[in-house]
């Protein structure tokens, strides 16, 4: 026989006669399950609830015979209901679960040096990871393909990803399918179309045929928003212009070298182009779709399921940091924290302009847009459905798509909602909503109807 640690750290004999390994026979297991002394091993919350309820029951009825007689007379469900009337089982369960040991405390998280990663980055210097018992190394990474590969190869435990990437990984778009999750959005809004200064008198997209644009990755909101914007102005993004993937840190240099005419990119690249006097901000992405998602905290389904306590502590750290970043009064402090070379390597004034929403546009004006970028962790599953329609629109996925199934498997809204409450945020009551992109309403219950409404799209 061997031993294992039960939830109270008491040494218990491990036998092999039942499903959970704690009983001499399956019959004994079933008896204890019926009397609140055992719980399904694959349901962590149920396990904690039963452990707490069992402890309370033992305190009320210290003698086994009396306890079992009571349970047999009223039934386990009625007993639980009765206990709940005078003892806060839910609160006790949450407190107990919060104390569960972390499976792993030393973690590596990859990030791209852009403001979209603000919560993941700032959680390191500002102590949000340490607060939850984690020692996290945040690692600056060259590009999204590298982020993807290092996460798949388990060199990174989790990563800053573009919100479409976990969807693409899960359904096997551009790679072999690997189940991935996106439990938290990092930022909403926060992008822009930036053009070379030579185009400051050419602001009508209908005149942009022949332009060369950069986006950070094929599977990115930047790619889909740029394509959407161009198509709404009659420009076919596959035939009338060139769109290439360029790592964000290289975008301004490519604009300066005249390799591209513009980019739809993340900050600080847009503001840095203005700061370096090589470009101007044509339009903020919030003016294309107010409140759109951009980057995200992502992890493999394997990480989430095999290290549930570590995953919970990590997600809570990031949601807590996101709540802090959401408050306007904290933005200057955050700009200072993420400006150093090991993070964004940018002048603090550039980051302040982005995070505060008061900025120079490169055309001689000072613009005030407080919601130029914001931080809201809730992963609306309707965001995932919209992204999937655009993947299908531009030929990245073929055939029928079970939009709702994929959205629910990847965008883990339930986990996020629970932890948002813990850090003082109010999660939405639903997981889907309608929204408007360039004047057109998206109804997540009718994705194919929406997709078929576009005149410009890749042939099926």
Protein backbone atom coordinates (compact mmCIF):
# COMPACT_ATOMS: atom_id res chain seq x y z
CA UNK A 1 0.00 0.00 0.00
CA UNK A 2 1.01 3.63 -0.52
CA UNK A 3 -0.34 6.83 0.99
CA UNK A 4 -1.64 10.13 -0.32
CA UNK A 5 -2.44 13.47 1.24
CA UNK A 6 -6.14 14.07 1.72
CA UNK A 7 -7.50 17.67 1.66
CA UNK A 8 -6.76 18.02 5.38
CA UNK A 9 -3.18 16.80 4.89
CA UNK A 10 -3.93 13.66 6.89
CA UNK A 11 -2.17 10.51 5.73
CA UNK A 12 -4.73 8.05 4.38
CA UNK A 13 -4.21 4.53 3.13
CA UNK A 14 -4.58 4.23 -0.64
CA UNK A 15 -6.34 1.03 -1.66
CA UNK A 16 -7.21 -0.07 -5.14
CA UNK A 17 -10.68 -1.57 -4.80
CA UNK A 18 -12.74 1.40 -6.02
CA UNK A 19 -12.76 4.29 -8.48
CA UNK A 20 -11.15 6.79 -6.14
CA UNK A 21 -8.64 4.35 -4.62
CA UNK A 22 -9.64 5.07 -1.03
CA UNK A 23 -11.90 2.07 -0.34
CA UNK A 24 -11.55 -1.69 -0.16
CA UNK A 25 -14.46 -2.13 -2.55
CA UNK A 26 -16.64 -0.14 -4.94
CA UNK A 27 -19.59 -0.83 -2.65
CA UNK A 28 -17.80 0.90 0.22
CA UNK A 29 -17.01 3.83 -2.12
CA UNK A 30 -20.67 4.12 -3.13
CA UNK A 31 -21.78 4.05 0.51
CA UNK A 32 -19.43 6.91 1.44
CA UNK A 33 -20.40 8.88 -1.64
CA UNK A 34 -24.01 8.66 -0.51
CA UNK A 35 -23.08 9.88 2.96
CA UNK A 36 -20.98 12.89 1.95
CA UNK A 37 -17.62 11.25 2.66
CA UNK A 38 -16.38 10.89 -0.91
CA UNK A 39 -16.73 12.95 -4.08
CA UNK A 40 -16.04 12.52 -7.79
CA UNK A 41 -12.32 13.03 -8.40
CA UNK A 42 -12.95 14.85 -11.69
CA UNK A 43 -14.98 17.63 -10.11
CA UNK A 44 -12.78 19.87 -7.99
CA UNK A 45 -15.58 22.14 -6.78
CA UNK A 46 -17.75 19.13 -5.87
CA UNK A 47 -14.81 17.60 -4.03
CA UNK A 48 -14.29 20.73 -1.92
CA UNK A 49 -18.01 21.05 -1.18
CA UNK A 50 -18.22 17.45 0.00
CA UNK A 51 -15.09 17.70 2.11
CA UNK A 52 -16.39 20.82 3.85
CA UNK A 53 -19.89 19.37 4.28
CA UNK A 54 -18.44 16.13 5.63
CA UNK A 55 -16.32 18.04 8.16
CA UNK A 56 -19.37 19.96 9.39
CA UNK A 57 -21.41 16.75 9.60
CA UNK A 58 -18.67 15.03 11.62
CA UNK A 59 -18.56 17.96 14.01
CA UNK A 60 -22.35 17.75 14.49
CA UNK A 61 -22.41 13.95 14.77
CA UNK A 62 -19.00 12.80 16.08
CA UNK A 63 -20.20 9.19 16.34
CA UNK A 64 -20.35 7.29 13.05
CA UNK A 65 -23.53 5.36 13.88
CA UNK A 66 -25.50 8.50 14.75
CA UNK A 67 -24.24 10.34 11.69
CA UNK A 68 -25.11 7.52 9.28
CA UNK A 69 -28.51 6.99 10.90
CA UNK A 70 -29.32 10.68 10.39
CA UNK A 71 -28.14 10.66 6.78
CA UNK A 72 -30.09 7.51 5.95
CA UNK A 73 -33.25 8.92 7.49
CA UNK A 74 -33.23 12.27 5.62
CA UNK A 75 -30.96 11.63 2.63
CA UNK A 76 -27.73 13.38 1.61
CA UNK A 77 -29.42 16.17 -0.37
CA UNK A 78 -31.77 17.10 2.46
CA UNK A 79 -28.87 17.00 4.90
CA UNK A 80 -26.87 19.42 2.76
CA UNK A 81 -29.85 21.76 2.50
CA UNK A 82 -30.36 21.65 6.25
CA UNK A 83 -26.69 22.38 7.00
CA UNK A 84 -26.70 25.28 4.56
CA UNK A 85 -29.47 26.97 6.52
CA UNK A 86 -27.21 27.69 9.48
CA UNK A 87 -23.63 27.20 8.20
CA UNK A 88 -22.12 29.16 5.26
CA UNK A 89 -21.06 26.11 3.24
CA UNK A 90 -20.40 28.14 0.07
CA UNK A 91 -18.11 30.60 1.86
CA UNK A 92 -16.29 27.84 3.71
CA UNK A 93 -15.85 25.90 0.47
CA UNK A 94 -14.38 28.93 -1.31
CA UNK A 95 -11.98 29.59 1.57
CA UNK A 96 -10.92 25.96 1.64
CA UNK A 97 -10.46 25.78 -2.13
CA UNK A 98 -8.42 28.99 -2.12
CA UNK A 99 -5.94 27.29 0.16
CA UNK A 100 -5.37 24.35 -2.16
CA UNK A 101 -1.66 23.82 -2.84
CA UNK A 102 -0.32 25.07 -6.17
CA UNK A 103 0.91 22.28 -8.43
CA UNK A 104 3.65 24.57 -9.77
CA UNK A 105 4.82 27.97 -8.58
CA UNK A 106 7.66 28.81 -10.99
CA UNK A 107 6.13 29.75 -14.32
CA UNK A 108 7.24 31.23 -17.62
CA UNK A 109 4.92 33.46 -19.65
CA UNK A 110 5.85 34.79 -23.08
CA UNK A 111 4.78 38.25 -24.21
CA UNK A 112 5.20 40.57 -27.18
CA UNK A 113 6.38 44.08 -26.13
CA UNK A 114 3.15 45.97 -26.82
CA UNK A 115 0.68 47.79 -24.59
CA UNK A 116 -1.93 45.08 -25.21
CA UNK A 117 0.08 42.89 -22.82
CA UNK A 118 -0.09 45.47 -20.04
CA UNK A 119 -1.82 43.29 -17.37
CA UNK A 120 0.46 40.30 -18.01
CA UNK A 121 3.57 42.49 -17.91
CA UNK A 122 2.69 44.82 -15.02
CA UNK A 123 1.63 41.89 -12.83
CA UNK A 124 5.34 41.10 -12.54
CA UNK A 125 6.90 44.40 -11.33
CA UNK A 126 3.76 45.42 -9.42
CA UNK A 127 3.50 42.18 -7.43
CA UNK A 128 0.22 40.68 -8.62
CA UNK A 129 1.77 37.27 -9.30
CA UNK A 130 3.61 37.18 -5.98
CA UNK A 131 0.38 38.11 -4.19
CA UNK A 132 -1.07 34.79 -5.34
CA UNK A 133 1.97 32.68 -4.49
CA UNK A 134 3.51 32.59 -7.96
CA UNK A 135 7.04 33.24 -9.14
CA UNK A 136 6.47 34.24 -12.76
CA UNK A 137 9.12 35.05 -15.31
CA UNK A 138 7.67 37.19 -18.10
CA UNK A 139 9.74 36.70 -21.24
CA UNK A 140 9.91 39.22 -24.08
CA UNK A 141 9.42 37.33 -27.34
CA UNK A 142 10.15 38.30 -30.94
CA UNK A 143 6.87 37.48 -32.67
CA UNK A 144 3.58 35.63 -32.56
CA UNK A 145 4.76 32.52 -34.36
CA UNK A 146 7.50 32.18 -31.74
CA UNK A 147 4.95 32.68 -28.94
CA UNK A 148 2.77 29.97 -30.46
CA UNK A 149 5.61 27.48 -30.94
CA UNK A 150 7.17 27.98 -27.51
CA UNK A 151 3.79 27.54 -25.84
CA UNK A 152 3.02 24.40 -27.82
CA UNK A 153 6.47 23.03 -26.95
CA UNK A 154 5.84 23.84 -23.25
CA UNK A 155 8.79 26.20 -23.02
CA UNK A 156 6.15 28.67 -21.83
CA UNK A 157 3.46 27.63 -19.36
CA UNK A 158 1.07 30.25 -20.74
CA UNK A 159 1.28 33.27 -23.00
CA UNK A 160 0.12 36.63 -24.18
CA UNK A 161 -1.66 35.79 -27.43
CA UNK A 162 -3.81 37.52 -30.00
CA UNK A 163 -7.42 36.62 -29.22
CA UNK A 164 -7.92 34.67 -32.50
CA UNK A 165 -4.86 32.48 -31.88
CA UNK A 166 -6.39 30.04 -29.33
CA UNK A 167 -9.34 29.60 -31.69
CA UNK A 168 -7.03 28.91 -34.64
CA UNK A 169 -4.96 26.46 -32.57
CA UNK A 170 -8.03 24.60 -31.33
CA UNK A 171 -9.63 24.12 -34.75
CA UNK A 172 -6.32 23.50 -36.52
CA UNK A 173 -6.25 26.58 -38.72
CA UNK A 174 -2.68 26.92 -39.94
CA UNK A 175 -1.40 24.13 -37.69
CA UNK A 176 -2.37 20.78 -36.21
CA UNK A 177 -5.36 21.14 -33.85
CA UNK A 178 -4.38 21.49 -30.20
CA UNK A 179 -7.06 22.34 -27.60
CA UNK A 180 -6.36 25.84 -26.27
CA UNK A 181 -8.21 28.17 -23.95
CA UNK A 182 -8.61 31.92 -23.64
CA UNK A 183 -9.90 32.67 -20.16
CA UNK A 184 -9.22 36.41 -20.21
CA UNK A 185 -9.12 39.28 -22.68
CA UNK A 186 -6.14 41.53 -22.04
CA UNK A 187 -7.31 44.72 -23.69
CA UNK A 188 -10.17 46.15 -25.66
CA UNK A 189 -9.63 48.78 -28.37
CA UNK A 190 -5.99 49.90 -28.39
CA UNK A 191 -5.09 49.61 -32.09
CA UNK A 192 -4.98 52.04 -35.00
CA UNK A 193 -4.38 52.38 -38.72
CA UNK A 194 -1.18 54.37 -39.04
CA UNK A 195 -0.02 55.69 -42.41
CA UNK A 196 3.23 57.13 -43.71
CA UNK A 197 3.38 60.91 -43.56
CA UNK A 198 3.58 60.97 -47.35
CA UNK A 199 -0.10 59.95 -47.38
CA UNK A 200 -1.39 62.71 -45.09
CA UNK A 201 -3.35 64.19 -48.01
CA UNK A 202 -4.70 60.80 -49.08
CA UNK A 203 -7.16 59.93 -46.35
CA UNK A 204 -9.86 58.28 -48.50
CA UNK A 205 -9.44 54.47 -48.39
CA UNK A 206 -11.05 54.19 -51.82
CA UNK A 207 -7.78 55.64 -53.19
CA UNK A 208 -5.54 53.09 -51.49
CA UNK A 209 -5.30 50.51 -54.27
CA UNK A 210 -1.70 49.34 -54.53
CA UNK A 211 -0.88 50.14 -50.89
CA UNK A 212 1.31 47.79 -48.87
CA UNK A 213 0.07 47.19 -45.33
CA UNK A 214 1.47 45.35 -42.33
CA UNK A 215 -0.42 43.46 -39.62
CA UNK A 216 1.24 41.58 -36.77
CA UNK A 217 -0.06 38.10 -37.64
CA UNK A 218 -2.48 36.36 -40.00
CA UNK A 219 -4.64 35.23 -37.07
CA UNK A 220 -5.11 38.63 -35.46
CA UNK A 221 -7.85 41.16 -34.86
CA UNK A 222 -5.58 43.59 -36.71
CA UNK A 223 -5.81 41.53 -39.89
CA UNK A 224 -9.58 41.11 -39.63
CA UNK A 225 -10.25 44.76 -38.75
CA UNK A 226 -8.02 46.05 -41.55
CA UNK A 227 -9.67 43.73 -44.06
CA UNK A 228 -13.12 44.72 -42.81
CA UNK A 229 -12.30 48.43 -43.04
CA UNK A 230 -10.87 48.15 -46.55
CA UNK A 231 -13.74 45.99 -47.83
CA UNK A 232 -16.34 48.42 -46.47
CA UNK A 233 -14.66 51.05 -48.67
CA UNK A 234 -14.73 48.84 -51.74
CA UNK A 235 -11.11 47.66 -51.56
CA UNK A 236 -10.56 43.92 -51.90
CA UNK A 237 -7.80 43.12 -49.36
CA UNK A 238 -6.66 40.09 -51.36
CA UNK A 239 -6.37 41.72 -54.80
CA UNK A 240 -6.27 45.52 -54.46
CA UNK A 241 -3.59 45.83 -51.74
CA UNK A 242 -0.83 43.76 -50.19
CA UNK A 243 -1.07 42.70 -46.55
CA UNK A 244 1.98 41.13 -44.92
CA UNK A 245 2.77 39.94 -41.41
CA UNK A 246 5.40 42.03 -39.63
CA UNK A 247 6.35 41.62 -35.94
CA UNK A 248 5.13 44.71 -34.04
CA UNK A 249 8.61 45.88 -32.95
CA UNK A 250 9.60 46.10 -36.64
CA UNK A 251 6.60 48.04 -37.90
CA UNK A 252 7.90 51.59 -37.40
CA UNK A 253 11.25 50.73 -38.99
CA UNK A 254 9.46 49.33 -42.04
CA UNK A 255 7.35 52.48 -42.29
CA UNK A 256 10.46 54.64 -42.04
CA UNK A 257 12.21 52.59 -44.74
CA UNK A 258 9.20 52.98 -47.05
CA UNK A 259 8.71 49.20 -47.19
CA UNK A 260 5.04 49.69 -46.29
CA UNK A 261 2.50 52.48 -46.68
CA UNK A 262 0.89 51.83 -43.34
CA UNK A 263 -0.15 49.27 -40.78
CA UNK A 264 -3.00 48.33 -38.56
CA UNK A 265 -0.98 47.55 -35.51
CA UNK A 266 -0.94 47.49 -31.75
CA UNK A 267 0.41 50.27 -29.61
CA UNK A 268 2.95 51.55 -28.83
CA UNK A 269 3.79 51.23 -32.54
CA UNK A 270 1.16 53.75 -33.68
CA UNK A 271 2.19 56.40 -31.18
CA UNK A 272 5.88 55.64 -31.67
CA UNK A 273 5.48 56.35 -35.42
CA UNK A 274 4.13 59.78 -34.48
CA UNK A 275 6.86 60.29 -31.87
CA UNK A 276 9.52 59.46 -34.48
CA UNK A 277 7.82 61.74 -37.03
CA UNK A 278 7.42 59.02 -39.66
CA UNK A 279 3.66 58.45 -39.57
CA UNK A 280 0.25 59.70 -38.49
CA UNK A 281 -2.76 58.03 -36.90
CA UNK A 282 -5.45 57.73 -39.56
CA UNK A 283 -8.14 56.08 -37.40
CA UNK A 284 -8.30 54.35 -34.04
CA UNK A 285 -9.62 50.80 -34.06
CA UNK A 286 -12.26 51.82 -31.52
CA UNK A 287 -13.79 53.94 -34.28
CA UNK A 288 -14.13 50.80 -36.40
CA UNK A 289 -15.57 48.66 -33.60
CA UNK A 290 -16.02 50.21 -30.16
CA UNK A 291 -15.01 47.73 -27.45
CA UNK A 292 -13.46 45.09 -29.70
CA UNK A 293 -11.11 42.52 -28.14
CA UNK A 294 -7.47 42.41 -29.11
CA UNK A 295 -4.94 40.44 -27.07
CA UNK A 296 -5.52 37.79 -24.48
CA UNK A 297 -4.13 35.54 -21.78
CA UNK A 298 -4.05 32.03 -23.22
CA UNK A 299 -3.01 28.56 -22.09
CA UNK A 300 -3.35 25.02 -23.37
CA UNK A 301 -6.30 23.00 -22.17
CA UNK A 302 -3.76 20.55 -20.78
CA UNK A 303 -2.29 23.24 -18.50
CA UNK A 304 -5.75 24.29 -17.32
CA UNK A 305 -6.88 20.75 -16.51
CA UNK A 306 -3.67 19.27 -15.08
CA UNK A 307 -2.76 22.28 -12.92
CA UNK A 308 -6.13 23.70 -11.86
CA UNK A 309 -4.86 25.43 -8.72
CA UNK A 310 -1.89 27.03 -10.47
CA UNK A 311 -4.15 28.02 -13.36
CA UNK A 312 -6.63 29.60 -10.94
CA UNK A 313 -3.91 31.59 -9.16
CA UNK A 314 -2.43 32.74 -12.46
CA UNK A 315 -5.77 33.80 -13.91
CA UNK A 316 -6.69 35.61 -10.70
CA UNK A 317 -3.37 37.50 -10.80
CA UNK A 318 -4.02 38.67 -14.35
CA UNK A 319 -7.66 39.61 -13.74
CA UNK A 320 -6.59 41.54 -10.64
CA UNK A 321 -3.97 43.39 -12.69
CA UNK A 322 -6.55 44.03 -15.42
CA UNK A 323 -8.93 45.57 -12.88
CA UNK A 324 -6.10 47.85 -11.71
CA UNK A 325 -5.25 48.83 -15.29
CA UNK A 326 -8.91 49.61 -16.03
CA UNK A 327 -8.80 52.59 -13.62
CA UNK A 328 -7.70 55.76 -15.39
CA UNK A 329 -5.96 57.12 -12.29
CA UNK A 330 -3.48 54.22 -12.38
CA UNK A 331 -2.38 54.61 -16.00
CA UNK A 332 0.65 56.90 -15.48
CA UNK A 333 2.01 54.61 -12.79
CA UNK A 334 1.56 51.65 -15.10
CA UNK A 335 3.32 53.48 -17.95
CA UNK A 336 6.38 53.89 -15.74
CA UNK A 337 6.27 50.25 -14.66
CA UNK A 338 6.19 48.77 -18.18
CA UNK A 339 8.47 51.28 -19.95
CA UNK A 340 11.89 49.72 -19.07
CA UNK A 341 13.97 47.81 -21.61
CA UNK A 342 13.07 44.36 -20.26
CA UNK A 343 9.40 45.12 -20.91
CA UNK A 344 8.33 47.57 -23.67
CA UNK A 345 11.55 49.58 -24.01
CA UNK A 346 9.68 52.80 -24.80
CA UNK A 347 9.84 56.42 -23.62
CA UNK A 348 7.30 56.77 -20.78
CA UNK A 349 5.72 59.78 -22.56
CA UNK A 350 4.78 57.53 -25.50
CA UNK A 351 3.06 55.05 -23.18
CA UNK A 352 1.36 57.83 -21.20
CA UNK A 353 -0.19 59.24 -24.37
CA UNK A 354 -1.59 55.81 -25.23
CA UNK A 355 -2.81 54.81 -21.79
CA UNK A 356 -4.30 58.20 -20.85
CA UNK A 357 -5.88 58.78 -24.26
CA UNK A 358 -4.49 62.30 -24.68
CA UNK A 359 -2.12 62.12 -27.62
CA UNK A 360 -0.59 63.78 -30.67
CA UNK A 361 -2.02 62.36 -33.90
CA UNK A 362 0.90 63.23 -36.19
CA UNK A 363 -1.19 65.76 -38.12
CA UNK A 364 -0.67 68.67 -35.74
CA UNK A 365 -3.57 67.98 -33.39
CA UNK A 366 -3.83 66.84 -29.78
CA UNK A 367 -6.64 64.31 -29.48
CA UNK A 368 -8.50 63.30 -26.33
CA UNK A 369 -9.91 59.78 -26.49
CA UNK A 370 -9.99 58.38 -22.91
CA UNK A 371 -11.04 54.96 -24.19
CA UNK A 372 -8.34 54.71 -26.83
CA UNK A 373 -7.38 51.57 -24.94
CA UNK A 374 -9.12 49.91 -22.04
CA UNK A 375 -8.76 46.73 -20.04
CA UNK A 376 -11.70 44.37 -19.55
CA UNK A 377 -11.00 40.67 -18.98
CA UNK A 378 -14.39 39.19 -19.85
CA UNK A 379 -14.10 36.85 -22.87
CA UNK A 380 -17.46 37.35 -24.54
CA UNK A 381 -18.17 34.17 -26.49
CA UNK A 382 -19.84 36.29 -29.18
CA UNK A 383 -16.37 37.80 -29.81
CA UNK A 384 -15.20 34.30 -30.67
CA UNK A 385 -18.14 33.75 -33.02
CA UNK A 386 -17.38 37.01 -34.87
CA UNK A 387 -13.71 36.06 -35.21
CA UNK A 388 -14.67 32.66 -36.63
CA UNK A 389 -16.92 34.33 -39.24
CA UNK A 390 -13.96 36.42 -40.39
CA UNK A 391 -11.65 33.40 -40.51
CA UNK A 392 -14.20 31.76 -42.76
CA UNK A 393 -14.76 34.97 -44.77
CA UNK A 394 -11.09 35.17 -45.74
CA UNK A 395 -10.55 31.47 -46.39
CA UNK A 396 -8.62 30.54 -43.24
CA UNK A 397 -11.14 27.83 -42.41
CA UNK A 398 -13.30 25.78 -44.75
CA UNK A 399 -16.59 23.97 -44.40
CA UNK A 400 -19.14 24.08 -41.62
CA UNK A 401 -18.21 25.57 -38.26
CA UNK A 402 -19.92 24.81 -34.95
CA UNK A 403 -19.51 28.40 -33.79
CA UNK A 404 -21.08 28.05 -30.36
CA UNK A 405 -19.24 24.85 -29.48
CA UNK A 406 -15.83 26.28 -30.35
CA UNK A 407 -16.59 29.57 -28.59
CA UNK A 408 -17.62 27.82 -25.37
CA UNK A 409 -14.62 25.47 -25.37
CA UNK A 410 -12.04 28.20 -25.93
CA UNK A 411 -13.40 31.42 -24.37
CA UNK A 412 -13.76 30.37 -20.71
CA UNK A 413 -16.25 32.98 -19.60
CA UNK A 414 -17.41 31.11 -16.47
CA UNK A 415 -13.93 30.99 -14.91
CA UNK A 416 -13.41 34.67 -15.60
CA UNK A 417 -16.79 35.73 -14.23
CA UNK A 418 -16.12 33.99 -10.91
CA UNK A 419 -12.70 35.57 -10.46
CA UNK A 420 -13.87 39.02 -11.58
CA UNK A 421 -16.13 39.07 -8.52
CA UNK A 422 -13.13 38.30 -6.31
CA UNK A 423 -11.30 41.46 -7.45
CA UNK A 424 -14.29 43.79 -7.28
CA UNK A 425 -15.43 43.67 -10.89
CA UNK A 426 -19.00 42.94 -11.93
CA UNK A 427 -19.14 40.27 -14.64
CA UNK A 428 -21.92 40.30 -17.23
CA UNK A 429 -24.92 38.07 -16.60
CA UNK A 430 -24.67 36.55 -20.11
CA UNK A 431 -21.78 35.30 -22.25
CA UNK A 432 -22.96 36.65 -25.60
CA UNK A 433 -24.12 40.02 -26.88
CA UNK A 434 -24.77 41.84 -30.13
CA UNK A 435 -22.45 44.66 -31.19
CA UNK A 436 -21.89 47.01 -34.11
CA UNK A 437 -18.91 47.00 -36.49
CA UNK A 438 -18.80 50.01 -38.85
CA UNK A 439 -22.54 50.56 -38.56
CA UNK A 440 -23.47 46.90 -39.10
CA UNK A 441 -25.01 44.92 -36.25
CA UNK A 442 -23.62 41.47 -35.53
CA UNK A 443 -26.10 38.98 -34.09
CA UNK A 444 -24.10 36.04 -32.68
CA UNK A 445 -27.10 33.72 -33.10
CA UNK A 446 -26.98 34.21 -36.91
CA UNK A 447 -23.29 33.93 -37.88
CA UNK A 448 -23.81 32.42 -41.33
CA UNK A 449 -26.40 35.04 -42.24
CA UNK A 450 -23.89 37.72 -41.23
CA UNK A 451 -21.09 36.06 -43.18
CA UNK A 452 -23.19 35.73 -46.33
CA UNK A 453 -24.11 39.42 -46.25
CA UNK A 454 -20.64 40.55 -47.33
CA UNK A 455 -20.09 41.34 -51.00
CA UNK A 456 -16.29 41.20 -50.72
CA UNK A 457 -15.05 37.89 -49.40
CA UNK A 458 -12.81 35.07 -50.50
CA UNK A 459 -14.47 32.57 -52.82
CA UNK A 460 -15.42 29.37 -51.01
